[in-house]
Protein backbone atom coordinates (compact mmCIF):
# COMPACT_ATOMS: atom_id res chain seq x y z
CA MET A 1 116.16 96.19 165.83
CA LYS A 2 115.78 93.03 163.75
CA ALA A 3 112.46 92.27 162.10
CA THR A 4 110.51 89.44 163.69
CA ASN A 5 109.29 86.45 161.66
CA ASN A 6 105.88 88.13 161.26
CA GLN A 7 107.33 91.38 159.97
CA LEU A 8 108.78 92.32 156.59
CA SER A 9 111.65 94.66 155.99
CA PRO A 10 110.78 97.74 153.88
CA ALA A 11 112.67 96.31 150.88
CA ARG A 12 110.85 92.97 151.02
CA ALA A 13 107.51 94.70 151.51
CA SER A 14 108.16 96.92 148.48
CA GLY A 15 109.10 93.92 146.36
CA ARG A 16 105.98 92.03 147.38
CA LEU A 17 103.79 95.04 146.57
CA THR A 18 105.39 95.32 143.15
CA ARG A 19 104.72 91.65 142.40
CA LEU A 20 101.07 92.01 143.48
CA LEU A 21 100.62 95.02 141.21
CA LEU A 22 102.11 93.13 138.22
CA VAL A 23 99.86 90.12 138.85
CA GLY A 24 96.82 92.41 139.07
CA LEU A 25 97.76 94.11 135.80
CA LEU A 26 98.21 90.75 134.05
CA VAL A 27 94.80 89.54 135.25
CA ALA A 28 93.17 92.74 134.00
CA VAL A 29 94.76 92.36 130.55
CA LEU A 30 93.71 88.72 130.28
CA ALA A 31 90.18 89.58 131.38
CA GLY A 32 90.00 92.27 128.71
CA CYS A 33 91.11 89.79 126.06
CA CYS A 34 88.44 87.34 127.12
CA THR A 35 85.55 89.78 127.32
CA HIS A 36 86.18 91.74 124.09
CA PRO A 37 85.99 89.92 120.75
CA PRO A 38 88.98 90.36 118.44
CA ALA A 39 88.74 93.05 115.80
CA ALA A 40 87.47 91.90 112.41
CA ALA A 41 90.24 90.88 110.05
CA GLN A 42 91.06 93.53 107.47
CA LYS A 43 89.92 92.72 103.94
CA LYS A 44 92.93 91.55 101.95
CA THR A 45 91.48 90.65 98.56
CA PHE A 46 89.61 92.82 96.10
CA SER A 47 87.44 92.34 93.02
CA SER A 48 85.91 94.44 90.28
CA PHE A 49 82.47 93.99 91.88
CA ASP A 50 83.33 95.35 95.34
CA MET A 51 80.97 98.13 96.33
CA PRO A 52 82.62 101.41 97.40
CA PRO A 53 82.53 102.18 101.14
CA HIS A 54 80.09 104.73 102.52
CA ARG A 55 82.91 107.24 102.84
CA THR A 56 84.69 108.58 99.76
CA PRO A 57 86.83 105.74 98.39
CA GLN A 58 90.56 106.27 98.63
CA THR A 59 92.42 106.95 95.40
CA GLU A 60 95.41 104.62 95.22
CA PHE A 61 96.62 105.11 91.65
CA ALA A 62 97.40 108.62 90.44
CA SER A 63 97.02 109.46 86.77
CA GLY A 64 99.54 107.57 84.67
CA VAL A 65 100.68 105.16 87.39
CA ILE A 66 99.25 102.20 85.45
CA ASN A 67 101.17 102.50 82.21
CA LEU A 68 101.62 99.33 80.18
CA GLN A 69 103.00 99.72 76.65
CA ASN A 70 102.91 96.65 74.39
CA ALA A 71 102.94 94.41 77.46
CA ASP A 72 102.40 90.68 77.17
CA PRO A 73 99.52 89.12 79.17
CA ASP A 74 101.90 87.76 81.83
CA GLN A 75 102.96 91.30 82.77
CA VAL A 76 99.34 92.42 83.00
CA LEU A 77 98.40 89.42 85.16
CA VAL A 78 101.30 90.05 87.56
CA LEU A 79 99.98 93.58 88.05
CA TYR A 80 96.44 92.23 88.42
CA GLN A 81 97.59 89.86 91.16
CA GLU A 82 99.33 92.64 93.06
CA ILE A 83 96.31 94.96 92.92
CA SER A 84 93.67 92.34 93.75
CA GLY A 85 95.62 90.40 96.35
CA ARG A 86 94.26 87.25 94.66
CA THR A 87 96.13 84.35 93.14
CA VAL A 88 95.84 84.48 89.36
CA ILE A 89 95.36 81.04 87.79
CA CYS A 90 95.82 80.75 84.06
CA GLY A 91 96.31 78.20 81.35
CA THR A 92 96.94 78.71 77.66
CA LEU A 93 95.97 82.25 76.71
CA PRO A 94 96.06 84.43 73.61
CA ARG A 95 99.37 86.31 73.38
CA PRO A 96 98.44 89.86 72.34
CA LEU A 97 100.44 92.96 73.15
CA ILE A 98 98.40 95.09 75.55
CA THR A 99 98.64 98.84 76.01
CA VAL A 100 96.72 100.61 78.78
CA ARG A 101 97.29 103.79 80.79
CA ASN A 102 95.00 105.32 83.43
CA GLN A 103 94.31 108.92 82.45
CA THR A 104 92.42 109.67 85.68
CA PRO A 105 93.08 108.75 89.34
CA LEU A 106 91.66 105.34 90.28
CA THR A 107 90.73 103.38 93.36
CA ARG A 108 91.94 99.79 93.66
CA VAL A 109 88.57 98.44 92.46
CA GLN A 110 88.48 100.83 89.51
CA ALA A 111 92.00 99.74 88.56
CA LEU A 112 90.83 96.12 88.43
CA GLN A 113 87.88 97.13 86.26
CA LEU A 114 90.28 98.91 83.92
CA LEU A 115 92.49 95.83 83.61
CA ASP A 116 89.42 93.60 83.13
CA THR A 117 88.36 95.79 80.22
CA ALA A 118 91.82 95.90 78.66
CA LEU A 119 92.16 92.12 78.85
CA SER A 120 88.64 91.51 77.53
CA GLN A 121 89.43 93.59 74.46
CA HIS A 122 92.03 90.96 73.59
CA GLY A 123 89.88 87.90 74.27
CA ILE A 124 90.97 87.22 77.87
CA ALA A 125 88.33 87.01 80.61
CA MET A 126 89.00 87.26 84.35
CA VAL A 127 86.65 84.94 86.26
CA LEU A 128 86.51 85.21 90.06
CA SER A 129 87.08 81.92 91.89
CA GLY A 130 86.09 82.10 95.55
CA ASP A 131 87.52 84.81 97.80
CA THR A 132 91.20 84.32 97.09
CA ALA A 133 91.71 83.51 93.40
CA VAL A 134 90.79 84.62 89.90
CA LYS A 135 91.10 82.61 86.69
CA ALA A 136 92.41 84.10 83.45
CA VAL A 137 90.81 82.17 80.58
CA PRO A 138 90.14 82.60 76.86
CA GLU A 139 86.88 84.41 76.30
CA ALA A 140 85.27 81.37 74.65
CA ARG A 141 85.75 79.34 77.86
CA ALA A 142 84.62 81.96 80.35
CA ALA A 143 80.95 80.90 80.56
CA SER A 144 81.92 77.32 81.44
CA GLU A 145 84.27 78.38 84.25
CA GLY A 146 81.50 79.02 86.79
CA PRO A 147 81.49 82.83 86.83
CA PRO A 148 80.07 84.29 90.07
CA GLU A 149 76.42 85.27 90.40
CA ILE A 150 76.36 89.05 90.88
CA THR A 151 73.04 90.37 92.21
CA LEU A 152 73.77 94.10 92.27
CA PRO A 153 71.10 96.34 90.67
CA TRP A 154 71.98 96.86 87.02
CA GLN A 155 72.69 100.54 87.69
CA ALA A 156 75.41 99.52 90.21
CA LEU A 157 77.16 97.04 87.92
CA PRO A 158 80.53 98.30 86.66
CA ASP A 159 80.58 99.42 83.06
CA SER A 160 83.62 97.25 82.45
CA GLY A 161 84.82 93.96 80.98
CA SER A 162 84.36 92.11 84.28
CA PHE A 163 82.89 88.64 83.73
CA MET A 164 79.79 87.61 85.68
CA THR A 165 76.57 85.58 85.82
CA ARG A 166 73.09 86.95 86.39
CA THR A 167 69.87 84.93 86.76
CA VAL A 168 66.76 86.92 85.86
CA GLN A 169 63.27 85.84 86.93
CA LEU A 170 60.91 87.05 84.23
CA LYS A 171 57.23 87.66 84.92
CA LYS A 172 55.63 88.81 81.67
CA VAL A 173 57.82 87.71 78.78
CA ARG A 174 59.06 84.24 77.85
CA PRO A 175 62.85 83.87 78.21
CA SER A 176 63.25 82.27 74.78
CA GLU A 177 61.37 85.16 73.17
CA VAL A 178 63.74 87.82 74.52
CA VAL A 179 66.93 86.08 73.39
CA PRO A 180 66.77 87.51 69.82
CA VAL A 181 66.18 90.97 71.29
CA LEU A 182 69.17 90.75 73.65
CA ALA A 183 71.53 88.94 71.26
CA PRO A 184 72.95 92.18 69.77
CA PHE A 185 74.13 93.19 73.26
CA MET A 186 76.07 90.01 74.03
CA LYS A 187 79.77 89.61 73.35
CA THR A 188 80.64 86.10 74.51
CA PRO A 189 79.44 82.80 72.98
CA ASN A 190 76.42 81.19 74.64
CA ALA A 191 75.89 84.24 76.83
CA LEU A 192 72.11 83.67 77.05
CA LEU A 193 70.49 80.54 78.44
CA PRO A 194 66.65 80.67 78.49
CA ILE A 195 64.72 78.32 80.77
CA ASP A 196 61.07 78.75 79.81
CA ALA A 197 59.76 76.18 82.31
CA ASN A 198 61.02 78.30 85.23
CA HIS A 199 60.60 81.70 83.53
CA GLN A 200 64.33 82.28 84.03
CA LEU A 201 67.03 83.74 81.83
CA ILE A 202 70.66 83.09 82.74
CA ILE A 203 73.13 85.67 81.43
CA ARG A 204 76.89 85.04 81.41
CA ASP A 205 78.81 87.91 79.91
CA TYR A 206 80.87 90.99 80.67
CA SER A 207 79.37 93.40 83.17
CA SER A 208 79.00 96.25 80.67
CA ASN A 209 76.95 93.98 78.37
CA VAL A 210 74.88 92.58 81.23
CA ARG A 211 73.98 96.13 82.30
CA ARG A 212 72.45 96.86 78.92
CA MET A 213 70.60 93.55 78.77
CA LEU A 214 69.10 94.08 82.22
CA GLU A 215 68.04 97.59 81.31
CA MET A 216 66.37 96.26 78.16
CA LEU A 217 64.64 93.48 80.10
CA GLN A 218 63.31 96.02 82.55
CA GLU A 219 61.77 97.98 79.71
CA LEU A 220 60.33 94.85 78.08
CA GLU A 221 58.73 93.69 81.31
CA LYS A 222 57.26 97.12 81.91
CA ASP A 223 55.82 97.53 78.43
CA THR A 224 54.41 94.01 78.06
CA LYS A 225 50.81 93.51 79.12
CA PRO A 226 50.23 90.66 81.62
């Protein structure tokens, strides 16, 4: 018997059912995309001041993987760019031969701190510039390159040659009075800028030096009578 105009053959009915199921699946997928926000983009750049995650940080460089022997600064900066994921911007730099080898396993952030320290020992400062770049400059120019303000507690600052700015609001001591006390701890020129009118002291130096200055300021503020 032939199918009437109001009836579908089994093959046509099966095909129509299949199309309906595909349309329903597509609608469900689109609805899911609209109702659920996209996952956060994975962090792609790193710096020496990144705090470790709550879980145990992943070791990415086994002992001896970073092994530079009498390398010129360009070689070190290429490695720095690969580890940080940042564009390294540099002008005229000192041309020392740099030797550095990691004796212990390191995370990515620790590796950057190690390279910061190695470069700083030869008069080259790495100054963060936004989220995607870092400037390699002679140490004497670092303070004028707008180093980032790092507000971590002094105990959390890396003990490394990572360049930074810190503004300290003093309560009991005059900023200009503490400059002679802190001067032995500074390494870079013009590292200390006292602003007595606002009771502020601006420090621009390597993180390891800033740590010691902040610790000293804490003791001075505690021991000074109001």
